[in-house]
Amino acid sequence: FWLGTGGIVGSGNQPFPWIHVVDMADLVVHALTTPAVRGAVNGVAPGAVTNRQFTAALGRALWRPTLIPVPGFALRWALGEQSTLLLDGPRVTPAAALASGFRFGFPEIDGALADIRDSAAY
């Protein structure tokens, strides 16, 4: 992306779960210290996006174009069966985290990426 060569993966319409690293750390602490939390807790942000939306947000955060897509056939050829993780994308929600009262500091992708960009040492 820094070189301006980023782009969508496959169709770009597949779900793209994400979470800010600070929210992930806070969620782990929350899950370990909240007695009501039982079972699996998905570490994903509530602001669900597609790969196309994530790619656009990352391009905006880095002030770079997102013009060069990665074709699905190329991923299938290079990665085989594992390409389905990138081309289909899992639909994951933070239902257990929200139900247990967890509050995300970065629920939306634009704010999360801007925070990471602004706090990084380049």
N, C-alpha and C. Protein backbone atom coordinates (compact mmCIF):
# COMPACT_ATOMS: atom_id res chain seq x y z
N PHE A 1 0.81 -1.19 0.00
CA PHE A 1 0.00 0.00 0.00
C PHE A 1 0.86 1.26 0.00
N TRP A 2 1.99 1.22 0.70
CA TRP A 2 2.85 2.41 0.75
C TRP A 2 3.34 2.80 -0.63
N LEU A 3 3.49 1.82 -1.52
CA LEU A 3 3.97 2.11 -2.87
C LEU A 3 2.84 2.47 -3.82
N GLY A 4 1.62 2.51 -3.31
CA GLY A 4 0.48 2.83 -4.16
C GLY A 4 0.01 1.66 -5.00
N THR A 5 0.38 0.45 -4.60
CA THR A 5 0.02 -0.73 -5.37
C THR A 5 -1.06 -1.58 -4.69
N GLY A 6 -1.73 -1.05 -3.71
CA GLY A 6 -2.77 -1.80 -3.01
C GLY A 6 -4.05 -1.86 -3.80
N GLY A 7 -4.85 -2.87 -3.53
CA GLY A 7 -6.14 -2.99 -4.19
C GLY A 7 -6.97 -4.08 -3.54
N ILE A 8 -8.19 -4.20 -4.02
CA ILE A 8 -9.10 -5.20 -3.47
C ILE A 8 -8.59 -6.61 -3.79
N VAL A 9 -9.06 -7.57 -3.00
CA VAL A 9 -8.74 -8.97 -3.21
C VAL A 9 -9.98 -9.64 -3.80
N GLY A 10 -9.80 -10.28 -4.94
CA GLY A 10 -10.93 -10.94 -5.60
C GLY A 10 -12.01 -9.92 -5.96
N SER A 11 -13.27 -10.25 -5.63
CA SER A 11 -14.38 -9.34 -5.94
C SER A 11 -14.41 -8.14 -5.01
N GLY A 12 -13.82 -8.29 -3.82
CA GLY A 12 -13.86 -7.22 -2.83
C GLY A 12 -15.14 -7.20 -2.01
N ASN A 13 -16.08 -8.05 -2.36
CA ASN A 13 -17.38 -8.05 -1.67
C ASN A 13 -17.43 -8.98 -0.46
N GLN A 14 -16.37 -9.74 -0.22
CA GLN A 14 -16.34 -10.68 0.88
C GLN A 14 -16.17 -9.95 2.22
N PRO A 15 -16.74 -10.51 3.30
CA PRO A 15 -16.57 -9.91 4.63
C PRO A 15 -15.08 -9.85 4.99
N PHE A 16 -14.72 -8.81 5.72
CA PHE A 16 -13.33 -8.63 6.14
C PHE A 16 -13.31 -8.25 7.61
N PRO A 17 -13.34 -9.26 8.51
CA PRO A 17 -13.32 -8.97 9.95
C PRO A 17 -12.01 -8.29 10.34
N TRP A 18 -12.09 -7.35 11.27
CA TRP A 18 -10.91 -6.63 11.72
C TRP A 18 -11.13 -6.18 13.16
N ILE A 19 -10.04 -5.80 13.84
CA ILE A 19 -10.14 -5.23 15.18
C ILE A 19 -8.86 -4.45 15.45
N HIS A 20 -8.98 -3.33 16.12
CA HIS A 20 -7.81 -2.53 16.52
C HIS A 20 -7.07 -3.31 17.60
N VAL A 21 -5.75 -3.25 17.58
CA VAL A 21 -4.95 -4.02 18.54
C VAL A 21 -5.25 -3.63 19.99
N VAL A 22 -5.54 -2.37 20.24
CA VAL A 22 -5.88 -1.93 21.60
C VAL A 22 -7.20 -2.56 22.04
N ASP A 23 -8.19 -2.58 21.15
CA ASP A 23 -9.46 -3.23 21.48
C ASP A 23 -9.27 -4.72 21.72
N MET A 24 -8.40 -5.36 20.96
CA MET A 24 -8.17 -6.79 21.15
C MET A 24 -7.57 -7.05 22.52
N ALA A 25 -6.58 -6.26 22.91
CA ALA A 25 -5.98 -6.43 24.24
C ALA A 25 -7.00 -6.17 25.33
N ASP A 26 -7.79 -5.11 25.17
CA ASP A 26 -8.82 -4.79 26.17
C ASP A 26 -9.88 -5.89 26.23
N LEU A 27 -10.22 -6.47 25.09
CA LEU A 27 -11.22 -7.53 25.06
C LEU A 27 -10.73 -8.78 25.78
N VAL A 28 -9.46 -9.11 25.63
CA VAL A 28 -8.90 -10.27 26.33
C VAL A 28 -8.99 -10.05 27.84
N VAL A 29 -8.60 -8.85 28.30
CA VAL A 29 -8.69 -8.54 29.73
C VAL A 29 -10.14 -8.60 30.20
N HIS A 30 -11.04 -8.03 29.41
CA HIS A 30 -12.47 -8.04 29.74
C HIS A 30 -12.98 -9.48 29.87
N ALA A 31 -12.62 -10.34 28.91
CA ALA A 31 -13.09 -11.72 28.93
C ALA A 31 -12.53 -12.49 30.13
N LEU A 32 -11.32 -12.17 30.53
CA LEU A 32 -10.70 -12.86 31.66
C LEU A 32 -11.19 -12.36 33.02
N THR A 33 -11.68 -11.14 33.07
CA THR A 33 -12.07 -10.55 34.35
C THR A 33 -13.56 -10.36 34.54
N THR A 34 -14.35 -10.73 33.56
CA THR A 34 -15.80 -10.58 33.65
C THR A 34 -16.43 -11.96 33.84
N PRO A 35 -16.94 -12.24 35.03
CA PRO A 35 -17.50 -13.57 35.31
C PRO A 35 -18.61 -13.99 34.35
N ALA A 36 -19.36 -13.03 33.81
CA ALA A 36 -20.47 -13.38 32.93
C ALA A 36 -20.00 -13.91 31.57
N VAL A 37 -18.75 -13.68 31.22
CA VAL A 37 -18.24 -14.15 29.93
C VAL A 37 -17.90 -15.63 30.03
N ARG A 38 -18.57 -16.41 29.21
CA ARG A 38 -18.33 -17.85 29.16
C ARG A 38 -18.25 -18.26 27.69
N GLY A 39 -17.33 -19.14 27.40
CA GLY A 39 -17.23 -19.64 26.03
C GLY A 39 -16.43 -18.71 25.13
N ALA A 40 -16.61 -18.93 23.85
CA ALA A 40 -15.85 -18.18 22.85
C ALA A 40 -16.30 -16.73 22.75
N VAL A 41 -15.35 -15.85 22.56
CA VAL A 41 -15.61 -14.44 22.32
C VAL A 41 -14.86 -14.05 21.06
N ASN A 42 -15.58 -13.63 20.04
CA ASN A 42 -14.95 -13.27 18.78
C ASN A 42 -14.25 -11.92 18.91
N GLY A 43 -12.96 -11.90 18.58
CA GLY A 43 -12.19 -10.66 18.61
C GLY A 43 -12.29 -9.92 17.30
N VAL A 44 -13.45 -9.34 17.05
CA VAL A 44 -13.68 -8.54 15.84
C VAL A 44 -14.45 -7.29 16.23
N ALA A 45 -14.24 -6.23 15.47
CA ALA A 45 -14.92 -4.97 15.73
C ALA A 45 -16.39 -5.05 15.29
N PRO A 46 -17.25 -4.23 15.90
CA PRO A 46 -18.66 -4.25 15.51
C PRO A 46 -18.91 -3.60 14.15
N GLY A 47 -18.01 -2.76 13.69
CA GLY A 47 -18.18 -2.08 12.40
C GLY A 47 -17.72 -2.98 11.27
N ALA A 48 -18.57 -3.93 10.87
CA ALA A 48 -18.22 -4.89 9.83
C ALA A 48 -18.01 -4.19 8.49
N VAL A 49 -17.02 -4.66 7.75
CA VAL A 49 -16.73 -4.10 6.42
C VAL A 49 -16.46 -5.23 5.44
N THR A 50 -16.52 -4.90 4.17
CA THR A 50 -16.10 -5.82 3.13
C THR A 50 -14.63 -5.54 2.82
N ASN A 51 -14.03 -6.43 2.05
CA ASN A 51 -12.65 -6.21 1.64
C ASN A 51 -12.52 -4.91 0.85
N ARG A 52 -13.51 -4.61 0.02
CA ARG A 52 -13.51 -3.36 -0.76
C ARG A 52 -13.52 -2.14 0.17
N GLN A 53 -14.35 -2.18 1.21
CA GLN A 53 -14.43 -1.06 2.15
C GLN A 53 -13.14 -0.93 2.96
N PHE A 54 -12.57 -2.08 3.38
CA PHE A 54 -11.32 -2.04 4.13
C PHE A 54 -10.20 -1.47 3.27
N THR A 55 -10.13 -1.92 2.03
CA THR A 55 -9.09 -1.44 1.11
C THR A 55 -9.20 0.06 0.91
N ALA A 56 -10.42 0.55 0.71
CA ALA A 56 -10.62 2.00 0.54
C ALA A 56 -10.23 2.76 1.79
N ALA A 57 -10.60 2.24 2.96
CA ALA A 57 -10.26 2.90 4.22
C ALA A 57 -8.75 2.93 4.45
N LEU A 58 -8.08 1.83 4.12
CA LEU A 58 -6.62 1.79 4.28
C LEU A 58 -5.95 2.77 3.32
N GLY A 59 -6.45 2.84 2.11
CA GLY A 59 -5.92 3.81 1.15
C GLY A 59 -6.10 5.24 1.66
N ARG A 60 -7.27 5.55 2.21
CA ARG A 60 -7.50 6.90 2.77
C ARG A 60 -6.56 7.17 3.94
N ALA A 61 -6.40 6.19 4.82
CA ALA A 61 -5.55 6.37 6.00
C ALA A 61 -4.10 6.60 5.61
N LEU A 62 -3.65 5.95 4.55
CA LEU A 62 -2.25 6.07 4.13
C LEU A 62 -2.06 7.12 3.03
N TRP A 63 -3.15 7.75 2.60
CA TRP A 63 -3.12 8.73 1.51
C TRP A 63 -2.50 8.13 0.26
N ARG A 64 -2.96 6.93 -0.07
CA ARG A 64 -2.45 6.20 -1.23
C ARG A 64 -3.62 5.71 -2.07
N PRO A 65 -3.38 5.59 -3.39
CA PRO A 65 -4.42 5.02 -4.25
C PRO A 65 -4.55 3.52 -4.02
N THR A 66 -5.69 2.99 -4.37
CA THR A 66 -5.93 1.54 -4.25
C THR A 66 -6.40 1.04 -5.62
N LEU A 67 -5.51 1.05 -6.56
CA LEU A 67 -5.87 0.82 -7.95
C LEU A 67 -5.62 -0.58 -8.47
N ILE A 68 -4.73 -1.34 -7.85
CA ILE A 68 -4.33 -2.62 -8.43
C ILE A 68 -4.95 -3.78 -7.65
N PRO A 69 -6.00 -4.38 -8.20
CA PRO A 69 -6.64 -5.50 -7.51
C PRO A 69 -5.81 -6.78 -7.61
N VAL A 70 -6.06 -7.69 -6.69
CA VAL A 70 -5.45 -9.02 -6.75
C VAL A 70 -6.55 -9.96 -7.27
N PRO A 71 -6.41 -10.47 -8.48
CA PRO A 71 -7.46 -11.31 -9.05
C PRO A 71 -7.64 -12.62 -8.27
N GLY A 72 -8.88 -13.04 -8.16
CA GLY A 72 -9.18 -14.27 -7.44
C GLY A 72 -8.47 -15.48 -8.02
N PHE A 73 -8.39 -15.57 -9.35
CA PHE A 73 -7.75 -16.73 -9.96
C PHE A 73 -6.27 -16.82 -9.58
N ALA A 74 -5.62 -15.67 -9.42
CA ALA A 74 -4.21 -15.67 -9.05
C ALA A 74 -4.03 -16.19 -7.62
N LEU A 75 -4.93 -15.80 -6.72
CA LEU A 75 -4.87 -16.31 -5.35
C LEU A 75 -5.16 -17.80 -5.30
N ARG A 76 -6.16 -18.24 -6.08
CA ARG A 76 -6.48 -19.67 -6.11
C ARG A 76 -5.28 -20.48 -6.62
N TRP A 77 -4.59 -19.95 -7.63
CA TRP A 77 -3.42 -20.62 -8.18
C TRP A 77 -2.28 -20.65 -7.16
N ALA A 78 -2.03 -19.53 -6.50
CA ALA A 78 -0.90 -19.43 -5.57
C ALA A 78 -1.17 -20.11 -4.23
N LEU A 79 -2.40 -20.00 -3.72
CA LEU A 79 -2.69 -20.49 -2.38
C LEU A 79 -3.54 -21.75 -2.33
N GLY A 80 -4.12 -22.11 -3.45
CA GLY A 80 -4.97 -23.29 -3.49
C GLY A 80 -6.19 -23.14 -2.60
N GLU A 81 -6.48 -24.19 -1.83
CA GLU A 81 -7.66 -24.21 -0.98
C GLU A 81 -7.67 -23.10 0.07
N GLN A 82 -6.50 -22.69 0.52
CA GLN A 82 -6.42 -21.64 1.55
C GLN A 82 -6.86 -20.28 1.02
N SER A 83 -6.96 -20.13 -0.29
CA SER A 83 -7.40 -18.86 -0.86
C SER A 83 -8.84 -18.53 -0.46
N THR A 84 -9.61 -19.53 -0.05
CA THR A 84 -11.00 -19.28 0.34
C THR A 84 -11.08 -18.35 1.55
N LEU A 85 -10.06 -18.36 2.42
CA LEU A 85 -10.05 -17.43 3.56
C LEU A 85 -10.07 -15.99 3.09
N LEU A 86 -9.35 -15.70 2.02
CA LEU A 86 -9.29 -14.33 1.51
C LEU A 86 -10.41 -14.01 0.52
N LEU A 87 -10.83 -15.01 -0.24
CA LEU A 87 -11.81 -14.76 -1.28
C LEU A 87 -13.26 -14.87 -0.81
N ASP A 88 -13.50 -15.64 0.24
CA ASP A 88 -14.86 -15.80 0.75
C ASP A 88 -15.06 -15.00 2.03
N GLY A 89 -14.06 -14.98 2.88
CA GLY A 89 -14.12 -14.21 4.13
C GLY A 89 -15.14 -14.76 5.10
N PRO A 90 -14.76 -14.87 6.36
CA PRO A 90 -15.70 -15.36 7.37
C PRO A 90 -16.64 -14.25 7.84
N ARG A 91 -17.88 -14.60 8.09
CA ARG A 91 -18.84 -13.65 8.68
C ARG A 91 -18.79 -13.83 10.19
N VAL A 92 -18.20 -12.87 10.88
CA VAL A 92 -17.99 -12.97 12.32
C VAL A 92 -18.52 -11.71 12.98
N THR A 93 -19.20 -11.87 14.10
CA THR A 93 -19.71 -10.71 14.84
C THR A 93 -19.24 -10.78 16.29
N PRO A 94 -19.18 -9.63 16.96
CA PRO A 94 -18.76 -9.60 18.36
C PRO A 94 -19.94 -9.72 19.32
N ALA A 95 -20.87 -10.60 19.03
CA ALA A 95 -22.10 -10.71 19.81
C ALA A 95 -21.84 -10.93 21.30
N ALA A 96 -20.96 -11.88 21.63
CA ALA A 96 -20.69 -12.17 23.05
C ALA A 96 -20.01 -11.00 23.74
N ALA A 97 -19.10 -10.33 23.04
CA ALA A 97 -18.41 -9.18 23.63
C ALA A 97 -19.41 -8.06 23.94
N LEU A 98 -20.27 -7.76 23.00
CA LEU A 98 -21.26 -6.70 23.20
C LEU A 98 -22.27 -7.08 24.29
N ALA A 99 -22.70 -8.33 24.28
CA ALA A 99 -23.68 -8.79 25.28
C ALA A 99 -23.12 -8.73 26.69
N SER A 100 -21.81 -8.87 26.83
CA SER A 100 -21.19 -8.83 28.15
C SER A 100 -20.82 -7.42 28.59
N GLY A 101 -21.17 -6.43 27.78
CA GLY A 101 -20.94 -5.04 28.14
C GLY A 101 -19.62 -4.45 27.68
N PHE A 102 -18.88 -5.15 26.84
CA PHE A 102 -17.61 -4.61 26.35
C PHE A 102 -17.87 -3.41 25.44
N ARG A 103 -17.09 -2.36 25.65
CA ARG A 103 -17.20 -1.15 24.82
C ARG A 103 -15.94 -1.00 23.98
N PHE A 104 -16.12 -1.01 22.69
CA PHE A 104 -14.99 -0.88 21.77
C PHE A 104 -14.52 0.57 21.72
N GLY A 105 -13.23 0.77 21.80
CA GLY A 105 -12.66 2.10 21.67
C GLY A 105 -12.60 2.54 20.21
N PHE A 106 -12.52 1.55 19.31
CA PHE A 106 -12.42 1.82 17.88
C PHE A 106 -13.42 0.93 17.14
N PRO A 107 -14.70 1.30 17.18
CA PRO A 107 -15.71 0.45 16.55
C PRO A 107 -15.78 0.58 15.03
N GLU A 108 -15.21 1.65 14.47
CA GLU A 108 -15.29 1.88 13.03
C GLU A 108 -13.89 1.88 12.42
N ILE A 109 -13.80 1.40 11.18
CA ILE A 109 -12.51 1.18 10.53
C ILE A 109 -11.71 2.47 10.30
N ASP A 110 -12.36 3.55 9.90
CA ASP A 110 -11.60 4.78 9.61
C ASP A 110 -10.89 5.31 10.85
N GLY A 111 -11.57 5.34 11.97
CA GLY A 111 -10.95 5.80 13.21
C GLY A 111 -9.83 4.90 13.67
N ALA A 112 -10.02 3.59 13.52
CA ALA A 112 -8.99 2.63 13.94
C ALA A 112 -7.73 2.79 13.10
N LEU A 113 -7.89 2.87 11.78
CA LEU A 113 -6.71 3.00 10.92
C LEU A 113 -6.02 4.34 11.11
N ALA A 114 -6.78 5.40 11.31
CA ALA A 114 -6.16 6.72 11.55
C ALA A 114 -5.36 6.70 12.84
N ASP A 115 -5.89 6.04 13.87
CA ASP A 115 -5.16 5.96 15.14
C ASP A 115 -3.86 5.18 14.96
N ILE A 116 -3.91 4.08 14.25
CA ILE A 116 -2.71 3.27 14.02
C ILE A 116 -1.69 4.08 13.21
N ARG A 117 -2.16 4.74 12.17
CA ARG A 117 -1.28 5.55 11.34
C ARG A 117 -0.62 6.65 12.16
N ASP A 118 -1.42 7.36 12.98
CA ASP A 118 -0.92 8.49 13.72
C ASP A 118 -0.01 8.10 14.88
N SER A 119 -0.13 6.88 15.37
CA SER A 119 0.69 6.46 16.50
C SER A 119 1.91 5.66 16.09
N ALA A 120 2.04 5.36 14.81
CA ALA A 120 3.16 4.55 14.33
C ALA A 120 4.41 5.41 14.12
N ALA A 121 5.53 4.83 14.38
CA ALA A 121 6.82 5.50 14.16
C ALA A 121 7.36 5.06 12.80
N TYR A 122 7.33 5.96 11.83
CA TYR A 122 7.81 5.62 10.48
C TYR A 122 9.13 6.27 10.22
